[in-house]
């Protein structure tokens, strides 16, 4: 289990967590449109990451490049999905959109 320290700014994100973030984002971006496809009632969906860390990290080996943590990844993915749904003429795909 990785231990991160935010006492002196963003923690350094390891490769294993970066992979988790990539999988999480891609999964949500594919999962929600499938759930809401053809739906006439907005979906009520609760997303919980039981292993969420801090809001931002620096990526190991990439200097001071900031990378969002899983809570921000989930929020940004849902916002992106809602924007895309509106562009496609769907009034509301999720209750929070």
Protein backbone atom coordinates (compact mmCIF):
# COMPACT_ATOMS: atom_id res chain seq x y z
CA UNK A 1 0.00 0.00 0.00
CA UNK A 2 1.37 3.39 -1.01
CA UNK A 3 1.69 6.13 1.57
CA UNK A 4 1.55 9.69 0.35
CA UNK A 5 2.60 12.82 2.21
CA UNK A 6 0.85 16.13 1.52
CA UNK A 7 2.49 18.04 4.39
CA UNK A 8 4.79 19.97 2.02
CA UNK A 9 2.53 20.38 -1.03
CA UNK A 10 1.20 17.77 -3.47
CA UNK A 11 2.43 14.21 -2.95
CA UNK A 12 4.35 12.41 -5.68
CA UNK A 13 2.12 10.04 -7.64
CA UNK A 14 3.52 6.59 -8.32
CA UNK A 15 3.07 4.68 -11.59
CA UNK A 16 0.56 2.27 -10.02
CA UNK A 17 -1.73 5.15 -8.97
CA UNK A 18 -1.35 6.86 -12.34
CA UNK A 19 -2.51 3.60 -13.97
CA UNK A 20 -5.47 3.44 -11.55
CA UNK A 21 -6.45 7.00 -12.50
CA UNK A 22 -6.30 6.22 -16.22
CA UNK A 23 -8.48 3.12 -15.79
CA UNK A 24 -10.93 4.98 -13.54
CA UNK A 25 -11.39 7.85 -16.01
CA UNK A 26 -11.76 5.59 -19.06
CA UNK A 27 -14.20 3.29 -17.25
CA UNK A 28 -16.48 6.14 -16.12
CA UNK A 29 -16.36 7.80 -19.55
CA UNK A 30 -17.63 4.55 -21.10
CA UNK A 31 -19.93 3.35 -18.29
CA UNK A 32 -22.21 6.36 -17.85
CA UNK A 33 -23.12 6.75 -21.54
CA UNK A 34 -24.06 3.07 -21.64
CA UNK A 35 -26.27 3.46 -18.56
CA UNK A 36 -28.00 6.55 -19.92
CA UNK A 37 -28.32 5.51 -23.57
CA UNK A 38 -31.87 6.03 -24.78
CA UNK A 39 -33.04 6.94 -21.31
CA UNK A 40 -35.74 9.51 -20.81
CA UNK A 41 -35.23 9.90 -17.06
CA UNK A 42 -31.95 11.25 -15.68
CA UNK A 43 -29.87 8.62 -13.95
CA UNK A 44 -29.16 8.91 -10.22
CA UNK A 45 -25.64 7.62 -9.74
CA UNK A 46 -23.33 7.76 -6.73
CA UNK A 47 -19.61 7.40 -7.42
CA UNK A 48 -17.46 6.41 -4.46
CA UNK A 49 -13.72 5.85 -4.47
CA UNK A 50 -12.81 4.08 -1.25
CA UNK A 51 -9.11 4.58 -1.96
CA UNK A 52 -9.23 8.26 -2.89
CA UNK A 53 -6.26 10.32 -1.88
CA UNK A 54 -5.58 14.02 -2.16
CA UNK A 55 -6.91 16.30 -4.86
CA UNK A 56 -3.61 16.80 -6.68
CA UNK A 57 -0.28 15.09 -7.10
CA UNK A 58 2.98 15.67 -8.90
CA UNK A 59 3.77 12.85 -11.31
CA UNK A 60 6.85 10.79 -10.53
CA UNK A 61 9.62 11.55 -13.04
CA UNK A 62 7.76 14.50 -14.62
CA UNK A 63 9.05 17.35 -12.48
CA UNK A 64 6.32 19.54 -11.05
CA UNK A 65 3.57 18.51 -13.49
CA UNK A 66 0.31 18.48 -11.52
CA UNK A 67 -2.07 15.54 -11.91
CA UNK A 68 -5.60 15.47 -10.46
CA UNK A 69 -6.50 12.87 -7.84
CA UNK A 70 -9.36 10.43 -8.27
CA UNK A 71 -12.07 12.73 -6.79
CA UNK A 72 -11.23 15.39 -9.39
CA UNK A 73 -10.95 12.78 -12.13
CA UNK A 74 -14.48 11.57 -11.36
CA UNK A 75 -15.90 15.11 -11.24
CA UNK A 76 -14.21 16.10 -14.51
CA UNK A 77 -15.31 12.89 -16.26
CA UNK A 78 -18.95 13.43 -15.24
CA UNK A 79 -18.82 17.07 -16.39
CA UNK A 80 -17.37 16.00 -19.72
CA UNK A 81 -20.06 13.34 -20.20
CA UNK A 82 -22.82 15.86 -19.39
CA UNK A 83 -21.40 18.40 -21.84
CA UNK A 84 -21.20 15.77 -24.56
CA UNK A 85 -24.78 14.63 -23.87
CA UNK A 86 -26.03 18.22 -24.19
CA UNK A 87 -24.14 18.67 -27.48
CA UNK A 88 -25.87 15.49 -28.71
CA UNK A 89 -29.30 16.90 -27.83
CA UNK A 90 -29.87 14.96 -24.63
CA UNK A 91 -31.33 17.38 -22.10
CA UNK A 92 -30.04 15.64 -19.02
CA UNK A 93 -28.23 12.34 -18.64
CA UNK A 94 -27.46 12.54 -14.93
CA UNK A 95 -29.48 14.19 -12.21
CA UNK A 96 -26.54 16.48 -11.34
CA UNK A 97 -26.06 17.73 -14.93
